[in-house]
């Protein structure tokens, strides 16, 4: 078996570059890590180790010698890569800026099998996101570069021009939330399925409300901005907005049944009135309970009695009548 050598660099000026030098000879592989991240690290050499024939065949299946010498795309990031691949007298030397061969990610996964600590592809990266709410289903697929919106009477498919931007938004939102347990009887619930690069699948269900998914409104609005020419509304009705239509923050004092204390919540529902019974999240688990509004006030942000990003919000008007004898 003829020797093969790979020298590969990928990264950008913000997050740094990763560089490896791999030598394959006689069914054994050794490698050297030259750089791993934003700062130079102490170089690491591995002794030659035996590898599987299937892993070696995967490299041949990539057909690197058929890759173009230069790839480029006009998108708003600065991802760069460079590869030198030697096999006997044949040499491929190429690279790219913001663009890659079609099977480039398979190449990164191939290296990650050998040097998992390099993690050329984030194992926790989201590959597919599915959201179900009422009669609608939204699917985002990184591999297919598609946004699919199934509504009750129609289906809409949108080709993602820059799937990285969409999935960056997904990663920020879903990796940043902590899903709280909620009363299963809460009516407007949404279910989510997240498929990661390591093939793991996460599912959860929660009320479709800012109280339980902080940042949900901004996330949906960001998707709408990215897919600005999508002909259908993404999820209707939308989750509760953070600011009221008047530009004021609405704070309500509420009183629970059999309690004399008043507790403050925020809402954007201008139709609520003193005397209304509302559903509110209570405690660290955000259990849904009922309370009656005893006072309503409108405030500018600088006048708000509590920090806007820390106060809990009223879920909505309570529909049942079991509170009427309060």
C-alpha atoms as a PDB file:
ATOM      1  CA  UNK A   1       0.000   0.000   0.000  1.00  0.00           C
ATOM      2  CA  UNK A   2       1.512   3.311  -1.084  1.00  0.00           C
ATOM      3  CA  UNK A   3       2.111   6.049   1.463  1.00  0.00           C
ATOM      4  CA  UNK A   4      -0.286   8.955   1.736  1.00  0.00           C
ATOM      5  CA  UNK A   5       0.259  12.285   3.437  1.00  0.00           C
ATOM      6  CA  UNK A   6      -2.312  14.913   4.370  1.00  0.00           C
ATOM      7  CA  UNK A   7      -1.612  18.400   5.671  1.00  0.00           C
ATOM      8  CA  UNK A   8      -4.833  20.231   6.470  1.00  0.00           C
ATOM      9  CA  UNK A   9      -5.667  23.651   7.948  1.00  0.00           C
ATOM     10  CA  UNK A  10      -9.107  25.142   8.591  1.00  0.00           C
ATOM     11  CA  UNK A  11     -10.450  28.052  10.647  1.00  0.00           C
ATOM     12  CA  UNK A  12     -10.698  31.829  10.788  1.00  0.00           C
ATOM     13  CA  UNK A  13      -9.013  34.787  12.436  1.00  0.00           C
ATOM     14  CA  UNK A  14     -11.648  35.044  15.176  1.00  0.00           C
ATOM     15  CA  UNK A  15     -11.724  31.463  16.436  1.00  0.00           C
ATOM     16  CA  UNK A  16      -8.256  30.454  15.272  1.00  0.00           C
ATOM     17  CA  UNK A  17      -6.970  27.703  13.006  1.00  0.00           C
ATOM     18  CA  UNK A  18      -6.540  23.963  13.347  1.00  0.00           C
ATOM     19  CA  UNK A  19      -3.716  22.241  11.497  1.00  0.00           C
ATOM     20  CA  UNK A  20      -2.831  18.551  11.333  1.00  0.00           C
ATOM     21  CA  UNK A  21      -0.244  16.543   9.409  1.00  0.00           C
ATOM     22  CA  UNK A  22      -1.234  12.891   8.828  1.00  0.00           C
ATOM     23  CA  UNK A  23       0.952  10.123   7.416  1.00  0.00           C
ATOM     24  CA  UNK A  24      -0.536   6.789   6.269  1.00  0.00           C
ATOM     25  CA  UNK A  25       1.865   3.985   5.498  1.00  0.00           C
ATOM     26  CA  UNK A  26       1.245   0.225   5.325  1.00  0.00           C
ATOM     27  CA  UNK A  27      -2.076   0.207   7.206  1.00  0.00           C
ATOM     28  CA  UNK A  28      -0.685   2.353  10.032  1.00  0.00           C
ATOM     29  CA  UNK A  29      -1.263   6.030  10.668  1.00  0.00           C
ATOM     30  CA  UNK A  30       0.684   8.656  12.600  1.00  0.00           C
ATOM     31  CA  UNK A  31      -0.177  12.309  12.938  1.00  0.00           C
ATOM     32  CA  UNK A  32       1.075  15.591  14.298  1.00  0.00           C
ATOM     33  CA  UNK A  33      -1.091  18.409  15.646  1.00  0.00           C
ATOM     34  CA  UNK A  34       0.529  21.674  14.613  1.00  0.00           C
ATOM     35  CA  UNK A  35      -2.125  24.102  15.804  1.00  0.00           C
ATOM     36  CA  UNK A  36      -5.440  23.770  17.583  1.00  0.00           C
ATOM     37  CA  UNK A  37      -7.448  26.917  18.054  1.00  0.00           C
ATOM     38  CA  UNK A  38      -6.874  30.623  18.454  1.00  0.00           C
ATOM     39  CA  UNK A  39      -3.457  30.280  20.107  1.00  0.00           C
ATOM     40  CA  UNK A  40      -0.574  28.007  19.215  1.00  0.00           C
ATOM     41  CA  UNK A  41      -0.423  24.915  21.402  1.00  0.00           C
ATOM     42  CA  UNK A  42       2.393  22.580  22.215  1.00  0.00           C
ATOM     43  CA  UNK A  43       2.844  20.310  19.243  1.00  0.00           C
ATOM     44  CA  UNK A  44       1.622  16.764  19.693  1.00  0.00           C
ATOM     45  CA  UNK A  45       2.895  13.732  17.826  1.00  0.00           C
ATOM     46  CA  UNK A  46       1.257  10.333  17.831  1.00  0.00           C
ATOM     47  CA  UNK A  47       3.055   7.024  17.290  1.00  0.00           C
ATOM     48  CA  UNK A  48       2.017   4.961  14.276  1.00  0.00           C
ATOM     49  CA  UNK A  49      -1.130   2.955  15.049  1.00  0.00           C
ATOM     50  CA  UNK A  50      -3.067   0.409  13.040  1.00  0.00           C
ATOM     51  CA  UNK A  51      -6.355   1.574  11.577  1.00  0.00           C
ATOM     52  CA  UNK A  52      -9.285  -0.229   9.998  1.00  0.00           C
ATOM     53  CA  UNK A  53      -9.443  -0.906   6.308  1.00  0.00           C
ATOM     54  CA  UNK A  54     -12.935   0.590   6.230  1.00  0.00           C
ATOM     55  CA  UNK A  55     -11.562   3.907   7.514  1.00  0.00           C
ATOM     56  CA  UNK A  56      -8.853   3.885   4.837  1.00  0.00           C
ATOM     57  CA  UNK A  57     -11.411   3.092   2.130  1.00  0.00           C
ATOM     58  CA  UNK A  58     -13.460   6.064   3.272  1.00  0.00           C
ATOM     59  CA  UNK A  59     -10.541   8.322   2.359  1.00  0.00           C
ATOM     60  CA  UNK A  60     -10.340   6.788  -1.126  1.00  0.00           C
ATOM     61  CA  UNK A  61     -14.112   7.233  -1.531  1.00  0.00           C
ATOM     62  CA  UNK A  62     -13.715  11.004  -1.055  1.00  0.00           C
ATOM     63  CA  UNK A  63     -11.854  11.205  -4.416  1.00  0.00           C
ATOM     64  CA  UNK A  64      -9.823  14.202  -3.296  1.00  0.00           C
ATOM     65  CA  UNK A  65      -7.877  14.363  -6.567  1.00  0.00           C
ATOM     66  CA  UNK A  66     -11.132  15.300  -8.306  1.00  0.00           C
ATOM     67  CA  UNK A  67     -11.653  18.337  -6.045  1.00  0.00           C
ATOM     68  CA  UNK A  68     -11.213  21.752  -7.599  1.00  0.00           C
ATOM     69  CA  UNK A  69      -8.139  23.789  -6.709  1.00  0.00           C
ATOM     70  CA  UNK A  70     -10.062  26.764  -5.379  1.00  0.00           C
ATOM     71  CA  UNK A  71     -13.491  27.268  -3.809  1.00  0.00           C
ATOM     72  CA  UNK A  72     -14.973  30.620  -2.849  1.00  0.00           C
ATOM     73  CA  UNK A  73     -18.333  32.148  -2.012  1.00  0.00           C
ATOM     74  CA  UNK A  74     -19.471  35.666  -1.213  1.00  0.00           C
ATOM     75  CA  UNK A  75     -20.989  35.186   2.246  1.00  0.00           C
ATOM     76  CA  UNK A  76     -20.544  37.069   5.498  1.00  0.00           C
ATOM     77  CA  UNK A  77     -17.906  34.983   7.259  1.00  0.00           C
ATOM     78  CA  UNK A  78     -14.217  34.290   6.835  1.00  0.00           C
ATOM     79  CA  UNK A  79     -13.893  30.501   7.025  1.00  0.00           C
ATOM     80  CA  UNK A  80     -10.754  29.386   5.215  1.00  0.00           C
ATOM     81  CA  UNK A  81      -9.182  26.006   4.543  1.00  0.00           C
ATOM     82  CA  UNK A  82      -6.142  24.586   2.798  1.00  0.00           C
ATOM     83  CA  UNK A  83      -5.274  20.984   1.973  1.00  0.00           C
ATOM     84  CA  UNK A  84      -2.212  19.241   0.567  1.00  0.00           C
ATOM     85  CA  UNK A  85      -2.735  15.541  -0.225  1.00  0.00           C
ATOM     86  CA  UNK A  86       0.139  13.409  -1.518  1.00  0.00           C
ATOM     87  CA  UNK A  87      -0.151   9.861  -2.808  1.00  0.00           C
ATOM     88  CA  UNK A  88       2.950   8.535  -4.552  1.00  0.00           C
ATOM     89  CA  UNK A  89       3.742  11.145  -7.231  1.00  0.00           C
ATOM     90  CA  UNK A  90       0.225  12.591  -7.258  1.00  0.00           C
ATOM     91  CA  UNK A  91      -0.325  15.826  -5.335  1.00  0.00           C
ATOM     92  CA  UNK A  92      -3.500  17.765  -4.707  1.00  0.00           C
ATOM     93  CA  UNK A  93      -3.120  21.280  -3.312  1.00  0.00           C
ATOM     94  CA  UNK A  94      -6.230  23.359  -2.922  1.00  0.00           C
ATOM     95  CA  UNK A  95      -8.295  25.455  -0.570  1.00  0.00           C
ATOM     96  CA  UNK A  96     -11.215  27.751  -0.187  1.00  0.00           C
ATOM     97  CA  UNK A  97     -12.876  30.755   1.386  1.00  0.00           C
ATOM     98  CA  UNK A  98     -16.435  30.214   2.618  1.00  0.00           C
ATOM     99  CA  UNK A  99     -16.971  27.362   0.135  1.00  0.00           C
ATOM    100  CA  UNK A 100     -16.135  23.662   0.033  1.00  0.00           C
ATOM    101  CA  UNK A 101     -16.312  20.467  -2.032  1.00  0.00           C
ATOM    102  CA  UNK A 102     -19.632  18.649  -1.758  1.00  0.00           C
ATOM    103  CA  UNK A 103     -18.199  15.904   0.474  1.00  0.00           C
ATOM    104  CA  UNK A 104     -15.988  18.195   2.574  1.00  0.00           C
ATOM    105  CA  UNK A 105     -17.828  17.439   5.791  1.00  0.00           C
ATOM    106  CA  UNK A 106     -17.292  13.711   5.285  1.00  0.00           C
ATOM    107  CA  UNK A 107     -13.588  14.525   5.132  1.00  0.00           C
ATOM    108  CA  UNK A 108     -13.791  16.395   8.465  1.00  0.00           C
ATOM    109  CA  UNK A 109     -15.650  13.488  10.066  1.00  0.00           C
ATOM    110  CA  UNK A 110     -12.982  11.150   8.690  1.00  0.00           C
ATOM    111  CA  UNK A 111     -10.244  13.112  10.494  1.00  0.00           C
ATOM    112  CA  UNK A 112     -12.324  13.319  13.690  1.00  0.00           C
ATOM    113  CA  UNK A 113     -12.373   9.515  13.860  1.00  0.00           C
ATOM    114  CA  UNK A 114      -8.570   9.562  14.023  1.00  0.00           C
ATOM    115  CA  UNK A 115      -8.105  12.677  16.194  1.00  0.00           C
ATOM    116  CA  UNK A 116     -11.354  13.197  18.148  1.00  0.00           C
ATOM    117  CA  UNK A 117      -9.878  15.911  20.378  1.00  0.00           C
ATOM    118  CA  UNK A 118      -9.569  18.197  17.344  1.00  0.00           C
ATOM    119  CA  UNK A 119     -13.340  18.098  16.779  1.00  0.00           C
ATOM    120  CA  UNK A 120     -13.304  19.605  13.306  1.00  0.00           C
ATOM    121  CA  UNK A 121     -17.097  19.277  13.386  1.00  0.00           C
ATOM    122  CA  UNK A 122     -18.878  20.127  16.643  1.00  0.00           C
ATOM    123  CA  UNK A 123     -20.555  16.902  17.768  1.00  0.00           C
ATOM    124  CA  UNK A 124     -23.343  18.927  19.407  1.00  0.00           C
ATOM    125  CA  UNK A 125     -24.048  20.868  16.217  1.00  0.00           C
ATOM    126  CA  UNK A 126     -27.707  20.891  15.273  1.00  0.00           C
ATOM    127  CA  UNK A 127     -28.421  19.128  11.993  1.00  0.00           C
ATOM    128  CA  UNK A 128     -32.208  19.050  12.028  1.00  0.00           C
ATOM    129  CA  UNK A 129     -34.822  20.880  14.088  1.00  0.00           C
ATOM    130  CA  UNK A 130     -38.531  20.020  14.111  1.00  0.00           C
ATOM    131  CA  UNK A 131     -41.095  22.187  15.933  1.00  0.00           C
ATOM    132  CA  UNK A 132     -44.789  21.323  16.236  1.00  0.00           C
ATOM    133  CA  UNK A 133     -47.308  23.878  17.452  1.00  0.00           C
ATOM    134  CA  UNK A 134     -51.084  23.535  17.148  1.00  0.00           C
ATOM    135  CA  UNK A 135     -51.701  22.342  13.544  1.00  0.00           C
ATOM    136  CA  UNK A 136     -48.328  23.491  12.203  1.00  0.00           C
ATOM    137  CA  UNK A 137     -44.960  21.791  11.826  1.00  0.00           C
ATOM    138  CA  UNK A 138     -41.720  23.638  11.071  1.00  0.00           C
ATOM    139  CA  UNK A 139     -38.669  21.608   9.968  1.00  0.00           C
ATOM    140  CA  UNK A 140     -35.174  22.999   9.430  1.00  0.00           C
ATOM    141  CA  UNK A 141     -32.744  20.625   7.706  1.00  0.00           C
ATOM    142  CA  UNK A 142     -29.077  21.599   7.448  1.00  0.00           C
ATOM    143  CA  UNK A 143     -28.132  18.807   5.037  1.00  0.00           C
ATOM    144  CA  UNK A 144     -31.033  19.415   2.641  1.00  0.00           C
ATOM    145  CA  UNK A 145     -30.764  23.211   3.123  1.00  0.00           C
ATOM    146  CA  UNK A 146     -34.535  23.426   3.483  1.00  0.00           C
ATOM    147  CA  UNK A 147     -37.087  25.121   5.689  1.00  0.00           C
ATOM    148  CA  UNK A 148     -40.399  23.263   5.462  1.00  0.00           C
ATOM    149  CA  UNK A 149     -43.581  24.642   6.998  1.00  0.00           C
ATOM    150  CA  UNK A 150     -46.583  22.341   7.104  1.00  0.00           C
ATOM    151  CA  UNK A 151     -49.783  24.199   7.911  1.00  0.00           C
ATOM    152  CA  UNK A 152     -53.293  22.839   8.322  1.00  0.00           C
ATOM    153  CA  UNK A 153     -54.259  23.382   4.681  1.00  0.00           C
ATOM    154  CA  UNK A 154     -50.944  23.987   2.895  1.00  0.00           C
ATOM    155  CA  UNK A 155     -47.240  23.141   2.748  1.00  0.00           C
ATOM    156  CA  UNK A 156     -44.452  25.648   2.134  1.00  0.00           C
ATOM    157  CA  UNK A 157     -40.828  24.826   1.263  1.00  0.00           C
ATOM    158  CA  UNK A 158     -38.075  27.416   1.375  1.00  0.00           C
ATOM    159  CA  UNK A 159     -34.524  26.867   0.093  1.00  0.00           C
ATOM    160  CA  UNK A 160     -32.037  28.122   2.688  1.00  0.00           C
ATOM    161  CA  UNK A 161     -29.548  30.357   0.894  1.00  0.00           C
ATOM    162  CA  UNK A 162     -27.229  30.381   3.923  1.00  0.00           C
ATOM    163  CA  UNK A 163     -28.089  27.480   6.199  1.00  0.00           C
ATOM    164  CA  UNK A 164     -25.252  28.440   8.556  1.00  0.00           C
ATOM    165  CA  UNK A 165     -27.075  31.634   9.530  1.00  0.00           C
ATOM    166  CA  UNK A 166     -30.280  29.717  10.232  1.00  0.00           C
ATOM    167  CA  UNK A 167     -28.587  27.057  12.316  1.00  0.00           C
ATOM    168  CA  UNK A 168     -26.475  29.601  14.166  1.00  0.00           C
ATOM    169  CA  UNK A 169     -29.788  31.095  15.316  1.00  0.00           C
ATOM    170  CA  UNK A 170     -31.044  27.613  16.280  1.00  0.00           C
ATOM    171  CA  UNK A 171     -27.848  26.835  18.178  1.00  0.00           C
ATOM    172  CA  UNK A 172     -28.001  30.092  20.145  1.00  0.00           C
ATOM    173  CA  UNK A 173     -31.629  29.559  21.090  1.00  0.00           C
ATOM    174  CA  UNK A 174     -31.775  25.847  21.872  1.00  0.00           C
ATOM    175  CA  UNK A 175     -28.383  25.636  23.577  1.00  0.00           C
ATOM    176  CA  UNK A 176     -29.282  28.623  25.727  1.00  0.00           C
ATOM    177  CA  UNK A 177     -32.641  27.516  27.123  1.00  0.00           C
ATOM    178  CA  UNK A 178     -33.455  25.504  30.204  1.00  0.00           C
ATOM    179  CA  UNK A 179     -36.826  23.862  29.744  1.00  0.00           C
ATOM    180  CA  UNK A 180     -38.982  24.148  32.851  1.00  0.00           C
ATOM    181  CA  UNK A 181     -41.529  21.556  33.845  1.00  0.00           C
ATOM    182  CA  UNK A 182     -45.089  22.796  33.446  1.00  0.00           C
ATOM    183  CA  UNK A 183     -48.601  21.629  34.151  1.00  0.00           C
ATOM    184  CA  UNK A 184     -49.505  19.148  31.398  1.00  0.00           C
ATOM    185  CA  UNK A 185     -52.985  20.664  31.193  1.00  0.00           C
ATOM    186  CA  UNK A 186     -51.636  23.949  29.823  1.00  0.00           C
ATOM    187  CA  UNK A 187     -53.425  24.226  26.440  1.00  0.00           C
ATOM    188  CA  UNK A 188     -51.037  25.834  23.944  1.00  0.00           C
ATOM    189  CA  UNK A 189     -48.061  23.471  24.015  1.00  0.00           C
ATOM    190  CA  UNK A 190     -45.315  22.949  21.480  1.00  0.00           C
ATOM    191  CA  UNK A 191     -43.087  19.912  20.916  1.00  0.00           C
ATOM    192  CA  UNK A 192     -39.504  19.975  19.700  1.00  0.00           C
ATOM    193  CA  UNK A 193     -37.096  17.416  18.243  1.00  0.00           C
ATOM    194  CA  UNK A 194     -33.397  18.228  17.911  1.00  0.00           C
ATOM    195  CA  UNK A 195     -31.027  16.008  15.920  1.00  0.00           C
ATOM    196  CA  UNK A 196     -27.332  16.642  16.582  1.00  0.00           C
ATOM    197  CA  UNK A 197     -24.231  15.826  14.559  1.00  0.00           C
ATOM    198  CA  UNK A 198     -23.344  12.927  16.872  1.00  0.00           C
ATOM    199  CA  UNK A 199     -26.715  11.333  15.880  1.00  0.00           C
ATOM    200  CA  UNK A 200     -28.242  11.973  19.299  1.00  0.00           C
ATOM    201  CA  UNK A 201     -31.910  13.014  19.357  1.00  0.00           C
ATOM    202  CA  UNK A 202     -33.484  15.251  22.010  1.00  0.00           C
ATOM    203  CA  UNK A 203     -37.235  15.726  22.388  1.00  0.00           C
ATOM    204  CA  UNK A 204     -39.204  17.911  24.759  1.00  0.00           C
ATOM    205  CA  UNK A 205     -42.605  19.538  25.097  1.00  0.00           C
ATOM    206  CA  UNK A 206     -43.421  22.834  26.777  1.00  0.00           C
ATOM    207  CA  UNK A 207     -45.975  25.656  26.687  1.00  0.00           C
ATOM    208  CA  UNK A 208     -45.424  27.911  23.674  1.00  0.00           C
ATOM    209  CA  UNK A 209     -44.883  30.948  25.820  1.00  0.00           C
ATOM    210  CA  UNK A 210     -42.073  33.319  26.786  1.00  0.00           C
ATOM    211  CA  UNK A 211     -42.445  32.295  30.434  1.00  0.00           C
ATOM    212  CA  UNK A 212     -41.255  28.802  29.638  1.00  0.00           C
ATOM    213  CA  UNK A 213     -39.037  29.516  26.613  1.00  0.00           C
ATOM    214  CA  UNK A 214     -37.365  32.918  27.153  1.00  0.00           C
ATOM    215  CA  UNK A 215     -36.245  34.391  23.843  1.00  0.00           C
ATOM    216  CA  UNK A 216     -38.812  32.407  21.833  1.00  0.00           C
ATOM    217  CA  UNK A 217     -40.338  35.509  20.228  1.00  0.00           C
ATOM    218  CA  UNK A 218     -36.954  36.835  19.102  1.00  0.00           C
ATOM    219  CA  UNK A 219     -35.990  33.405  17.719  1.00  0.00           C
ATOM    220  CA  UNK A 220     -39.155  33.137  15.614  1.00  0.00           C
ATOM    221  CA  UNK A 221     -38.717  36.713  14.405  1.00  0.00           C
ATOM    222  CA  UNK A 222     -35.110  35.952  13.435  1.00  0.00           C
ATOM    223  CA  UNK A 223     -36.286  32.978  11.355  1.00  0.00           C
ATOM    224  CA  UNK A 224     -38.841  35.223   9.646  1.00  0.00           C
ATOM    225  CA  UNK A 225     -36.111  37.723   8.812  1.00  0.00           C
ATOM    226  CA  UNK A 226     -33.810  35.060   7.376  1.00  0.00           C
ATOM    227  CA  UNK A 227     -36.625  33.536   5.299  1.00  0.00           C
ATOM    228  CA  UNK A 228     -38.055  36.951   4.407  1.00  0.00           C
ATOM    229  CA  UNK A 229     -39.634  35.804   1.139  1.00  0.00           C
ATOM    230  CA  UNK A 230     -41.438  32.835   2.683  1.00  0.00           C
ATOM    231  CA  UNK A 231     -45.066  33.284   1.675  1.00  0.00           C
ATOM    232  CA  UNK A 232     -46.599  31.877   4.865  1.00  0.00           C
ATOM    233  CA  UNK A 233     -46.562  33.105   8.454  1.00  0.00           C
ATOM    234  CA  UNK A 234     -44.399  30.961  10.756  1.00  0.00           C
ATOM    235  CA  UNK A 235     -46.661  29.795  13.572  1.00  0.00           C
ATOM    236  CA  UNK A 236     -49.849  31.681  14.190  1.00  0.00           C
ATOM    237  CA  UNK A 237     -50.724  32.950  16.719  1.00  0.00           C
ATOM    238  CA  UNK A 238     -47.199  34.029  17.638  1.00  0.00           C
ATOM    239  CA  UNK A 239     -45.864  33.761  21.208  1.00  0.00           C
ATOM    240  CA  UNK A 240     -46.397  36.636  23.612  1.00  0.00           C
ATOM    241  CA  UNK A 241     -44.470  39.772  22.704  1.00  0.00           C
ATOM    242  CA  UNK A 242     -42.226  41.296  25.354  1.00  0.00           C
ATOM    243  CA  UNK A 243     -43.370  44.905  24.853  1.00  0.00           C
ATOM    244  CA  UNK A 244     -46.970  46.078  24.576  1.00  0.00           C
ATOM    245  CA  UNK A 245     -48.364  47.812  21.498  1.00  0.00           C
ATOM    246  CA  UNK A 246     -48.241  51.129  23.338  1.00  0.00           C
ATOM    247  CA  UNK A 247     -44.516  50.781  23.886  1.00  0.00           C
ATOM    248  CA  UNK A 248     -45.126  50.514  27.636  1.00  0.00           C
ATOM    249  CA  UNK A 249     -44.446  47.577  29.926  1.00  0.00           C
ATOM    250  CA  UNK A 250     -47.575  46.375  31.695  1.00  0.00           C
ATOM    251  CA  UNK A 251     -47.203  45.157  35.275  1.00  0.00           C
ATOM    252  CA  UNK A 252     -50.025  43.507  37.201  1.00  0.00           C
ATOM    253  CA  UNK A 253     -50.329  42.815  40.897  1.00  0.00           C
ATOM    254  CA  UNK A 254     -52.223  39.580  41.498  1.00  0.00           C
ATOM    255  CA  UNK A 255     -53.675  37.856  44.531  1.00  0.00           C
ATOM    256  CA  UNK A 256     -53.959  34.093  44.925  1.00  0.00           C
ATOM    257  CA  UNK A 257     -57.026  32.449  46.398  1.00  0.00           C
ATOM    258  CA  UNK A 258     -56.870  32.173  50.202  1.00  0.00           C
ATOM    259  CA  UNK A 259     -53.872  34.540  50.326  1.00  0.00           C
ATOM    260  CA  UNK A 260     -53.657  38.196  51.348  1.00  0.00           C
ATOM    261  CA  UNK A 261     -50.295  38.858  49.647  1.00  0.00           C
ATOM    262  CA  UNK A 262     -49.885  40.528  46.259  1.00  0.00           C
ATOM    263  CA  UNK A 263     -47.376  39.351  43.641  1.00  0.00           C
ATOM    264  CA  UNK A 264     -46.202  41.216  40.547  1.00  0.00           C
ATOM    265  CA  UNK A 265     -46.175  39.788  37.014  1.00  0.00           C
ATOM    266  CA  UNK A 266     -45.683  41.332  33.582  1.00  0.00           C
ATOM    267  CA  UNK A 267     -47.997  41.023  30.559  1.00  0.00           C
ATOM    268  CA  UNK A 268     -48.399  42.447  27.076  1.00  0.00           C
ATOM    269  CA  UNK A 269     -52.161  41.780  26.992  1.00  0.00           C
ATOM    270  CA  UNK A 270     -53.811  45.199  27.077  1.00  0.00           C
ATOM    271  CA  UNK A 271     -57.262  43.621  27.323  1.00  0.00           C
ATOM    272  CA  UNK A 272     -56.667  42.394  30.879  1.00  0.00           C
ATOM    273  CA  UNK A 273     -58.504  44.311  33.568  1.00  0.00           C
ATOM    274  CA  UNK A 274     -58.612  44.508  37.347  1.00  0.00           C
ATOM    275  CA  UNK A 275     -60.750  41.611  38.567  1.00  0.00           C
ATOM    276  CA  UNK A 276     -59.733  39.199  35.775  1.00  0.00           C
ATOM    277  CA  UNK A 277     -58.589  35.730  36.823  1.00  0.00           C
ATOM    278  CA  UNK A 278     -55.371  34.743  35.048  1.00  0.00           C
ATOM    279  CA  UNK A 279     -53.015  31.763  34.778  1.00  0.00           C
ATOM    280  CA  UNK A 280     -49.522  32.492  36.112  1.00  0.00           C
ATOM    281  CA  UNK A 281     -46.309  30.442  36.555  1.00  0.00           C
ATOM    282  CA  UNK A 282     -45.401  29.850  40.209  1.00  0.00           C
ATOM    283  CA  UNK A 283     -42.203  28.686  41.886  1.00  0.00           C
ATOM    284  CA  UNK A 284     -38.956  27.377  40.419  1.00  0.00           C
ATOM    285  CA  UNK A 285     -40.849  24.698  38.440  1.00  0.00           C
ATOM    286  CA  UNK A 286     -43.287  27.283  37.018  1.00  0.00           C
ATOM    287  CA  UNK A 287     -46.367  25.329  38.067  1.00  0.00           C
ATOM    288  CA  UNK A 288     -49.474  26.935  36.552  1.00  0.00           C
ATOM    289  CA  UNK A 289     -51.816  28.488  39.115  1.00  0.00           C
ATOM    290  CA  UNK A 290     -54.668  30.991  39.099  1.00  0.00           C
ATOM    291  CA  UNK A 291     -54.760  34.465  40.605  1.00  0.00           C
ATOM    292  CA  UNK A 292     -56.957  37.550  40.384  1.00  0.00           C
ATOM    293  CA  UNK A 293     -55.578  40.883  39.094  1.00  0.00           C
ATOM    294  CA  UNK A 294     -55.876  43.602  41.751  1.00  0.00           C
ATOM    295  CA  UNK A 295     -53.815  46.385  40.145  1.00  0.00           C
ATOM    296  CA  UNK A 296     -52.431  47.277  36.687  1.00  0.00           C
ATOM    297  CA  UNK A 297     -49.682  49.775  35.851  1.00  0.00           C
ATOM    298  CA  UNK A 298     -47.949  50.969  32.658  1.00  0.00           C
ATOM    299  CA  UNK A 299     -44.233  51.795  32.817  1.00  0.00           C
ATOM    300  CA  UNK A 300     -41.347  52.843  30.621  1.00  0.00           C
ATOM    301  CA  UNK A 301     -38.383  50.482  30.907  1.00  0.00           C
ATOM    302  CA  UNK A 302     -36.401  52.805  33.196  1.00  0.00           C
ATOM    303  CA  UNK A 303     -39.440  53.153  35.488  1.00  0.00           C
ATOM    304  CA  UNK A 304     -40.254  49.429  35.668  1.00  0.00           C
ATOM    305  CA  UNK A 305     -40.547  48.152  39.258  1.00  0.00           C
ATOM    306  CA  UNK A 306     -38.673  44.946  38.372  1.00  0.00           C
ATOM    307  CA  UNK A 307     -35.970  44.037  35.792  1.00  0.00           C
ATOM    308  CA  UNK A 308     -37.758  43.227  32.523  1.00  0.00           C
ATOM    309  CA  UNK A 309     -35.608  40.191  31.783  1.00  0.00           C
ATOM    310  CA  UNK A 310     -36.147  38.609  35.204  1.00  0.00           C
ATOM    311  CA  UNK A 311     -39.816  39.017  35.988  1.00  0.00           C
ATOM    312  CA  UNK A 312     -42.294  36.253  35.167  1.00  0.00           C
ATOM    313  CA  UNK A 313     -45.172  36.892  32.787  1.00  0.00           C
ATOM    314  CA  UNK A 314     -48.880  36.194  32.983  1.00  0.00           C
ATOM    315  CA  UNK A 315     -49.670  33.207  30.787  1.00  0.00           C
ATOM    316  CA  UNK A 316     -53.159  34.339  29.881  1.00  0.00           C
ATOM    317  CA  UNK A 317     -56.731  34.789  31.023  1.00  0.00           C
ATOM    318  CA  UNK A 318     -58.088  31.792  32.940  1.00  0.00           C
ATOM    319  CA  UNK A 319     -60.971  30.192  31.040  1.00  0.00           C
ATOM    320  CA  UNK A 320     -62.467  27.841  33.638  1.00  0.00           C
ATOM    321  CA  UNK A 321     -65.091  29.099  36.107  1.00  0.00           C
ATOM    322  CA  UNK A 322     -63.857  27.383  39.270  1.00  0.00           C
ATOM    323  CA  UNK A 323     -62.403  30.692  40.480  1.00  0.00           C
ATOM    324  CA  UNK A 324     -65.580  32.720  40.268  1.00  0.00           C
ATOM    325  CA  UNK A 325     -66.494  32.254  43.935  1.00  0.00           C
ATOM    326  CA  UNK A 326     -63.124  33.762  44.926  1.00  0.00           C
END
